[in-house]
Amino acid sequence: MTDNVIMYFEVHQPRRLRPYRRYEIGNNNSFFWDSENERIFKRISEKSYIPATRILMENNINATFSLSGTFIEQAEVFYPEVLDVFKEYFKSGLGELLDETYYHSLAGIYDENEFKKQISMHAEKMKNVFGIKPKNFRNTELIYNTNIGRIVKNIGYNLILTEFTDRFNNANSPNFVYKDINGLGMLLRNYNLSDDISFRFSNRSWPEFPLTAEKYASWIKHSEGDVINIFMDYETFGEHQDSSTGIFEFLKSLKTEMIKNNINDLRVNDALKFSVKSVINTDSTISWADTGRDLSPWTGNSMQVEALNILLSKGDKIDEKLFGYLQTSDNFYYMAAGTGPDQEVHEYFNPYKSPYNAFFYFTNILENF
């Protein structure tokens, strides 16, 4: 029986690159699709970020967030009211903020100095915008390996979030607190209970449809372990799961049902009170994306690898800020080419509707340098 749950939400919007044609190379230094960025940002703010955060406040729901630097920059320009709502939530004492890479990048797998620089940038942004110094960390898309753990531990964070996988030794359940071989605390995502909300909530062919807050709280209560880690994209509420599905009613009722079942809604830092289950290790790199839960969503084909290698080879020729935006993981995610449910998700997010277009527009921009 489990009496504790941690809800963590990722909030990120990339600064999308516009369709950039070959004839523009050397003639046009306008690289960003900010009309589309503004349209998407305002839509998701109104459908998801603002109403969901108000529900959390109105129902006294504790939760942990990470907000990418690219998200905050666009909020400041396109929709400052979003930041006002988040500020109100964190000032209420209900919310915790995590640090991450400023540009939501893959820097942790290719450049330690760049990785640490972006973490420092993000920490400074959290301090300037929210007056908060985060104590814990989540890497882009929960990407983790032991080297990333070493860096994060040496910076001084208490805990890192990542995906639960059988590639970890000594971790037979995600419902405990672990440490890695660097001594860094670890919280592992319970992907079954997380995906029940983020992917299956509105699936009428799912045997458990409809998912009610009463049913969900019962599942949490009857799970074994110390703490259930529910990690997901914040856009789940109102964007990926539209308001017409009943997702907001579910969120409103969840706190009531947890109280009935004596379930505590905790934040990430609260997990430090639990004993460490065991030390875990892996030779693999873990993420929470796609069924492989590895790096393949960003480096799984030759286009992605080539684009990343070209970018890194030109880093000293590109303006520092632009270099950061070009490192945003979404740029490589759009280049994924395959079949099946994973590819359907990639195509859902891809503003160019083709991985080949994503590759060509990206590399065309790089040819300017």
Protein backbone atom coordinates (compact mmCIF):
# COMPACT_ATOMS: atom_id res chain seq x y z
CA MET A 1 0.00 0.00 0.00
CA THR A 2 1.30 3.45 -0.95
CA ASP A 3 0.30 6.67 0.79
CA ASN A 4 2.37 9.12 -1.22
CA VAL A 5 2.39 10.48 -4.75
CA ILE A 6 4.64 13.01 -6.51
CA MET A 7 3.27 14.78 -9.57
CA TYR A 8 5.86 16.37 -11.83
CA PHE A 9 5.04 18.34 -14.99
CA GLU A 10 7.33 19.37 -17.83
CA VAL A 11 6.58 22.78 -19.35
CA HIS A 12 8.46 23.46 -22.57
CA GLN A 13 7.90 25.21 -25.86
CA PRO A 14 10.69 25.28 -28.46
CA ARG A 15 11.47 28.37 -30.49
CA ARG A 16 10.64 26.71 -33.80
CA LEU A 17 12.75 27.40 -36.87
CA ARG A 18 10.85 28.54 -39.92
CA PRO A 19 10.86 26.70 -43.27
CA TYR A 20 14.18 27.97 -44.61
CA ARG A 21 14.80 27.42 -48.34
CA ARG A 22 18.11 26.89 -50.09
CA TYR A 23 17.80 30.09 -52.12
CA GLU A 24 17.78 32.05 -48.85
CA ILE A 25 21.22 30.81 -47.75
CA GLY A 26 23.51 33.81 -47.37
CA ASN A 27 20.65 36.20 -48.12
CA ASN A 28 18.29 35.96 -45.17
CA ASN A 29 19.24 35.86 -41.48
CA SER A 30 15.66 35.52 -40.24
CA PHE A 31 15.58 31.96 -38.91
CA PHE A 32 12.67 31.74 -36.46
CA TRP A 33 9.02 31.00 -37.16
CA ASP A 34 7.75 33.38 -34.52
CA SER A 35 4.30 33.91 -36.04
CA GLU A 36 3.71 30.17 -35.62
CA ASN A 37 5.44 30.14 -32.25
CA GLU A 38 3.13 32.88 -31.01
CA ARG A 39 0.02 31.17 -32.36
CA ILE A 40 0.88 27.85 -30.72
CA PHE A 41 1.98 29.45 -27.46
CA LYS A 42 -1.21 31.46 -27.05
CA ARG A 43 -3.40 28.46 -27.91
CA ILE A 44 -1.74 26.15 -25.40
CA SER A 45 -1.65 28.87 -22.74
CA GLU A 46 -5.40 29.35 -22.98
CA LYS A 47 -6.26 25.66 -23.36
CA SER A 48 -3.79 24.19 -20.90
CA TYR A 49 -1.28 26.18 -18.86
CA ILE A 50 -3.59 28.79 -17.35
CA PRO A 51 -6.69 26.68 -16.58
CA ALA A 52 -4.68 23.71 -15.31
CA THR A 53 -2.57 25.83 -12.96
CA ARG A 54 -5.65 27.57 -11.59
CA ILE A 55 -7.18 24.17 -10.86
CA LEU A 56 -4.05 23.18 -8.95
CA MET A 57 -4.32 26.35 -6.84
CA GLU A 58 -8.06 26.13 -6.27
CA ASN A 59 -7.77 22.53 -5.10
CA ASN A 60 -4.55 22.92 -3.09
CA ILE A 61 -2.68 20.37 -5.17
CA ASN A 62 1.08 20.14 -4.60
CA ALA A 63 3.15 19.58 -7.74
CA THR A 64 6.66 19.97 -9.10
CA PHE A 65 7.49 21.73 -12.37
CA SER A 66 10.34 22.42 -14.71
CA LEU A 67 9.99 25.33 -17.12
CA SER A 68 12.51 25.54 -19.93
CA GLY A 69 14.28 28.79 -20.70
CA THR A 70 12.78 28.83 -24.20
CA PHE A 71 9.31 28.52 -22.67
CA ILE A 72 9.89 31.43 -20.30
CA GLU A 73 11.36 33.66 -23.00
CA GLN A 74 8.32 33.15 -25.22
CA ALA A 75 5.94 33.66 -22.30
CA GLU A 76 7.58 37.01 -21.58
CA VAL A 77 6.96 38.11 -25.18
CA PHE A 78 3.78 36.34 -26.26
CA TYR A 79 1.70 35.80 -23.10
CA PRO A 80 3.01 37.30 -19.81
CA GLU A 81 -0.20 36.25 -18.03
CA VAL A 82 1.08 32.67 -18.08
CA LEU A 83 4.08 33.63 -15.96
CA ASP A 84 1.80 35.54 -13.60
CA VAL A 85 -0.24 32.40 -12.97
CA PHE A 86 2.86 30.28 -12.39
CA LYS A 87 4.31 32.92 -10.05
CA GLU A 88 1.08 32.90 -8.06
CA TYR A 89 1.20 29.10 -7.82
CA PHE A 90 4.79 29.00 -6.58
CA LYS A 91 4.19 31.84 -4.11
CA SER A 92 1.28 29.84 -2.67
CA GLY A 93 3.75 27.26 -1.37
CA LEU A 94 2.15 24.45 -3.35
CA GLY A 95 4.75 24.19 -6.09
CA GLU A 96 8.39 23.26 -6.44
CA LEU A 97 10.67 24.23 -9.34
CA LEU A 98 13.42 22.06 -10.81
CA ASP A 99 16.45 23.08 -12.80
CA GLU A 100 17.19 21.75 -16.29
CA THR A 101 19.04 22.79 -19.44
CA TYR A 102 18.03 26.30 -20.47
CA TYR A 103 17.49 25.36 -24.11
CA HIS A 104 15.94 21.93 -23.44
CA SER A 105 18.97 20.53 -25.21
CA LEU A 106 20.88 17.25 -25.55
CA ALA A 107 24.07 18.89 -24.24
CA GLY A 108 24.40 16.33 -21.45
CA ILE A 109 25.34 13.65 -23.99
CA TYR A 110 27.91 15.58 -26.03
CA ASP A 111 29.53 18.49 -24.16
CA GLU A 112 29.99 18.69 -20.38
CA ASN A 113 30.93 22.37 -20.40
CA GLU A 114 27.94 23.31 -22.55
CA PHE A 115 25.71 21.20 -20.30
CA LYS A 116 26.93 22.97 -17.15
CA LYS A 117 26.64 26.38 -18.82
CA GLN A 118 23.00 25.79 -19.76
CA ILE A 119 22.20 24.52 -16.27
CA SER A 120 23.72 27.67 -14.79
CA MET A 121 21.74 29.83 -17.24
CA HIS A 122 18.53 28.09 -16.24
CA ALA A 123 19.23 28.44 -12.51
CA GLU A 124 19.84 32.15 -12.99
CA LYS A 125 16.58 32.51 -14.94
CA MET A 126 14.61 30.75 -12.19
CA LYS A 127 16.12 33.12 -9.64
CA ASN A 128 15.39 36.21 -11.72
CA VAL A 129 11.82 35.30 -12.73
CA PHE A 130 10.53 33.44 -9.69
CA GLY A 131 13.00 34.27 -6.92
CA ILE A 132 13.63 30.54 -6.46
CA LYS A 133 16.86 28.54 -6.35
CA PRO A 134 15.93 24.95 -7.32
CA LYS A 135 17.40 22.13 -5.23
CA ASN A 136 16.73 19.28 -7.66
CA PHE A 137 17.18 18.53 -11.33
CA ARG A 138 15.55 16.99 -14.35
CA ASN A 139 17.44 16.68 -17.61
CA THR A 140 15.85 17.23 -21.01
CA GLU A 141 13.30 14.45 -21.65
CA LEU A 142 14.54 12.76 -18.43
CA ILE A 143 17.76 11.78 -20.24
CA TYR A 144 20.13 10.15 -17.75
CA ASN A 145 23.33 8.16 -17.62
CA THR A 146 25.95 7.80 -14.91
CA ASN A 147 28.10 10.58 -16.36
CA ILE A 148 25.15 12.99 -16.32
CA GLY A 149 24.52 11.88 -12.74
CA ARG A 150 28.13 12.68 -11.84
CA ILE A 151 27.87 16.20 -13.26
CA VAL A 152 24.52 16.91 -11.60
CA LYS A 153 25.76 15.58 -8.25
CA ASN A 154 28.92 17.71 -8.42
CA ILE A 155 26.88 20.84 -9.12
CA GLY A 156 25.10 20.19 -5.83
CA TYR A 157 21.59 18.93 -6.59
CA ASN A 158 19.90 16.45 -4.25
CA LEU A 159 17.82 14.43 -6.69
CA ILE A 160 17.44 13.75 -10.40
CA LEU A 161 14.33 12.51 -12.19
CA THR A 162 14.45 9.83 -14.87
CA GLU A 163 12.52 6.94 -16.38
CA PHE A 164 12.07 3.53 -14.78
CA THR A 165 13.57 0.75 -16.87
CA ASP A 166 14.77 -2.80 -16.39
CA ARG A 167 18.19 -1.61 -17.56
CA PHE A 168 18.77 -0.38 -14.00
CA ASN A 169 20.19 -3.06 -11.73
CA ASN A 170 18.69 -3.32 -8.22
CA ALA A 171 15.57 -1.37 -9.22
CA ASN A 172 12.60 -3.71 -9.46
CA SER A 173 10.00 -0.98 -8.91
CA PRO A 174 9.76 2.74 -9.66
CA ASN A 175 7.96 3.34 -6.37
CA PHE A 176 11.00 3.95 -4.16
CA VAL A 177 13.83 6.46 -3.78
CA TYR A 178 17.17 5.27 -5.16
CA LYS A 179 20.71 6.56 -5.46
CA ASP A 180 23.07 6.18 -8.38
CA ILE A 181 26.74 5.24 -8.08
CA ASN A 182 27.62 8.94 -7.75
CA GLY A 183 25.48 9.24 -4.62
CA LEU A 184 22.82 11.28 -6.40
CA GLY A 185 19.25 10.66 -5.30
CA MET A 186 16.95 9.31 -8.03
CA LEU A 187 13.21 9.32 -8.60
CA LEU A 188 11.97 6.96 -11.31
CA ARG A 189 8.81 7.58 -13.32
CA ASN A 190 5.98 5.12 -12.89
CA TYR A 191 5.26 4.98 -16.62
CA ASN A 192 2.13 2.84 -16.33
CA LEU A 193 0.27 5.21 -14.03
CA SER A 194 1.68 8.28 -15.80
CA ASP A 195 0.67 7.07 -19.26
CA ASP A 196 -2.80 6.12 -18.01
CA ILE A 197 -3.45 9.86 -17.86
CA SER A 198 -1.24 11.28 -20.59
CA PHE A 199 -1.91 8.70 -23.33
CA ARG A 200 -4.88 6.50 -22.40
CA PHE A 201 -7.27 8.89 -20.68
CA SER A 202 -9.51 9.46 -23.72
CA ASN A 203 -8.93 6.09 -25.42
CA ARG A 204 -12.36 4.50 -25.60
CA SER A 205 -10.89 1.13 -26.58
CA TRP A 206 -8.85 1.01 -23.35
CA PRO A 207 -10.41 -1.59 -21.02
CA GLU A 208 -10.23 0.85 -18.09
CA PHE A 209 -12.03 3.66 -19.94
CA PRO A 210 -13.37 5.92 -18.50
CA LEU A 211 -10.67 6.79 -16.00
CA THR A 212 -12.16 8.45 -12.94
CA ALA A 213 -10.31 10.15 -10.10
CA GLU A 214 -11.84 7.60 -7.71
CA LYS A 215 -10.46 4.68 -9.73
CA TYR A 216 -7.06 6.31 -10.17
CA ALA A 217 -6.65 7.10 -6.46
CA SER A 218 -7.50 3.47 -5.71
CA TRP A 219 -4.74 2.29 -8.07
CA ILE A 220 -2.24 4.54 -6.31
CA LYS A 221 -3.35 3.36 -2.88
CA HIS A 222 -3.00 -0.31 -3.77
CA SER A 223 0.45 0.04 -5.34
CA GLU A 224 3.43 -1.25 -3.38
CA GLY A 225 6.25 1.08 -2.41
CA ASP A 226 7.00 4.40 -0.70
CA VAL A 227 6.02 6.93 -3.36
CA ILE A 228 4.33 6.88 -6.79
CA ASN A 229 6.06 9.17 -9.30
CA ILE A 230 3.62 10.56 -11.85
CA PHE A 231 5.64 12.47 -14.46
CA MET A 232 4.19 13.91 -17.69
CA ASP A 233 4.01 16.84 -20.10
CA TYR A 234 1.86 19.60 -18.60
CA GLU A 235 0.15 19.98 -21.98
CA THR A 236 -1.61 16.69 -21.17
CA PHE A 237 -4.22 18.86 -19.46
CA GLY A 238 -6.26 20.66 -22.08
CA GLU A 239 -4.01 20.23 -25.14
CA HIS A 240 -3.12 16.55 -25.66
CA GLN A 241 -6.25 15.61 -23.71
CA ASP A 242 -8.81 18.22 -24.71
CA SER A 243 -11.12 19.73 -22.11
CA SER A 244 -14.00 17.90 -23.81
CA THR A 245 -12.53 14.57 -22.60
CA GLY A 246 -13.22 15.50 -18.98
CA ILE A 247 -9.52 15.84 -18.11
CA PHE A 248 -10.04 19.00 -16.07
CA GLU A 249 -12.89 17.44 -14.09
CA PHE A 250 -10.56 14.52 -13.39
CA LEU A 251 -7.85 16.88 -12.13
CA LYS A 252 -10.32 18.81 -9.96
CA SER A 253 -11.57 15.61 -8.31
CA LEU A 254 -8.19 14.00 -7.80
CA LYS A 255 -7.24 15.80 -4.57
CA THR A 256 -10.59 14.92 -2.99
CA GLU A 257 -10.14 11.25 -3.85
CA MET A 258 -6.56 11.24 -2.57
CA ILE A 259 -7.73 12.72 0.74
CA LYS A 260 -10.38 9.99 1.03
CA ASN A 261 -7.61 7.40 0.57
CA ASN A 262 -5.14 9.16 2.92
CA ILE A 263 -2.73 9.77 0.02
CA ASN A 264 -0.28 12.63 0.41
CA ASP A 265 0.54 14.77 -2.64
CA LEU A 266 4.24 15.55 -2.22
CA ARG A 267 6.85 17.52 -4.13
CA VAL A 268 10.15 16.15 -5.36
CA ASN A 269 12.23 17.50 -2.48
CA ASP A 270 9.87 15.83 0.01
CA ALA A 271 11.16 12.46 -1.24
CA LEU A 272 14.38 13.02 0.73
CA LYS A 273 12.53 11.86 3.85
CA PHE A 274 12.30 8.30 2.50
CA SER A 275 15.03 5.74 2.98
CA VAL A 276 17.04 4.88 -0.12
CA LYS A 277 15.93 1.51 -1.46
CA SER A 278 19.23 0.64 -3.15
CA VAL A 279 22.06 1.92 -5.33
CA ILE A 280 21.36 1.48 -9.02
CA ASN A 281 23.61 1.58 -12.06
CA THR A 282 23.36 1.20 -15.81
CA ASP A 283 25.68 1.32 -18.79
CA SER A 284 22.83 2.70 -20.91
CA THR A 285 21.44 6.19 -21.51
CA ILE A 286 17.81 6.47 -20.44
CA SER A 287 15.01 8.82 -21.52
CA TRP A 288 11.23 8.86 -21.17
CA ALA A 289 10.55 9.14 -24.92
CA ASP A 290 9.21 6.47 -27.29
CA THR A 291 8.99 2.78 -26.46
CA GLY A 292 12.78 2.36 -26.51
CA ARG A 293 13.26 4.90 -23.70
CA ASP A 294 16.70 5.78 -25.04
CA LEU A 295 18.28 8.41 -27.32
CA SER A 296 16.80 7.08 -30.56
CA PRO A 297 14.06 9.78 -30.77
CA TRP A 298 16.84 12.36 -31.39
CA THR A 299 19.83 10.37 -32.71
CA GLY A 300 18.19 7.26 -34.16
CA ASN A 301 18.79 7.91 -37.87
CA SER A 302 21.54 9.28 -40.10
CA MET A 303 19.77 12.61 -40.68
CA GLN A 304 19.63 13.33 -36.97
CA VAL A 305 23.24 12.33 -36.39
CA GLU A 306 24.47 14.35 -39.37
CA ALA A 307 22.49 17.44 -38.36
CA LEU A 308 23.81 17.30 -34.80
CA ASN A 309 27.40 16.76 -35.93
CA ILE A 310 27.24 19.67 -38.38
CA LEU A 311 25.80 21.91 -35.67
CA LEU A 312 28.50 21.02 -33.15
CA SER A 313 31.25 21.49 -35.74
CA LYS A 314 30.06 25.07 -36.33
CA GLY A 315 29.56 26.04 -32.70
CA ASP A 316 32.42 28.52 -32.68
CA LYS A 317 31.05 30.26 -35.80
CA ILE A 318 27.48 30.78 -34.57
CA ASP A 319 26.19 33.46 -32.21
CA GLU A 320 25.98 31.99 -28.71
CA LYS A 321 22.23 32.55 -28.33
CA LEU A 322 21.40 31.13 -31.75
CA PHE A 323 23.67 28.17 -31.05
CA GLY A 324 21.61 27.49 -27.95
CA TYR A 325 18.30 27.60 -29.81
CA LEU A 326 19.65 25.28 -32.51
CA GLN A 327 20.57 22.74 -29.82
CA THR A 328 16.94 22.46 -28.64
CA SER A 329 16.07 18.75 -28.73
CA ASP A 330 12.84 19.33 -30.67
CA ASN A 331 14.84 20.23 -33.78
CA PHE A 332 16.16 16.65 -33.91
CA TYR A 333 12.93 15.06 -32.69
CA TYR A 334 11.19 16.41 -35.80
CA MET A 335 13.72 14.50 -37.96
CA ALA A 336 12.68 11.07 -36.64
CA ALA A 337 11.56 8.82 -39.50
CA GLY A 338 9.85 5.51 -38.89
CA THR A 339 6.52 3.78 -38.54
CA GLY A 340 4.11 2.82 -35.79
CA PRO A 341 2.76 4.62 -32.72
CA ASP A 342 6.08 6.28 -31.85
CA GLN A 343 6.29 7.92 -35.26
CA GLU A 344 2.69 9.07 -34.98
CA VAL A 345 3.70 11.05 -31.88
CA HIS A 346 6.68 12.58 -33.70
CA GLU A 347 4.43 13.61 -36.59
CA TYR A 348 1.89 15.12 -34.19
CA PHE A 349 4.50 17.57 -32.94
CA ASN A 350 6.33 18.17 -36.24
CA PRO A 351 5.33 21.61 -37.63
CA TYR A 352 6.89 20.74 -41.02
CA LYS A 353 4.87 17.51 -41.49
CA SER A 354 7.96 15.70 -42.77
CA PRO A 355 11.22 14.61 -41.08
CA TYR A 356 13.04 15.34 -44.35
CA ASN A 357 11.78 18.93 -44.43
CA ALA A 358 12.89 19.32 -40.81
CA PHE A 359 16.37 18.12 -41.79
CA PHE A 360 16.65 20.30 -44.89
CA TYR A 361 15.44 23.50 -43.19
CA PHE A 362 17.82 22.91 -40.27
CA THR A 363 20.89 22.19 -42.38
CA ASN A 364 20.06 25.05 -44.76
CA ILE A 365 20.27 27.41 -41.78
CA LEU A 366 23.62 25.91 -40.79
CA GLU A 367 25.03 26.56 -44.27
CA ASN A 368 24.93 30.27 -43.46
CA PHE A 369 27.85 29.60 -41.13
